[in-house]
Amino acid sequence: MPAADKRFSALPPGMIPLGLSRLVASTYVGVSPSTWDSMVDVGQMPKPKRIGRRRLWDRREVEEAFARLDAVGRDSGTPPGAQLDDDWDDVAT
């Protein structure tokens, strides 16, 4: 069993760790690690905390940043039901 699995199995069932690795944080938000990196770079997601040589994201900060993201059709200036821009429309001409 990998070390990370042993650490998680020490938690009560259903409890999410406070410090999330890059892979776990990106999975928690529902994006790939490379998309996660881009979101961190542009400030959509928080910077990690350093603990020794490890970089960990605070789960609470991740949740707060996710809650601040624009929802499609809400708080983004896009009315509900509006068609979103599709870059493929520009290619298929």
Foldseek 3Di string as FASTA:
>chain_A
DDPVVVVVVVDDPPDDDQWAALCRLCVVLPHHSVVSVVCCVVVLADFFDDDPPGTTRGPVRSVVSSVPDDDACPPPPRHPPDDDDDPVVVVPD
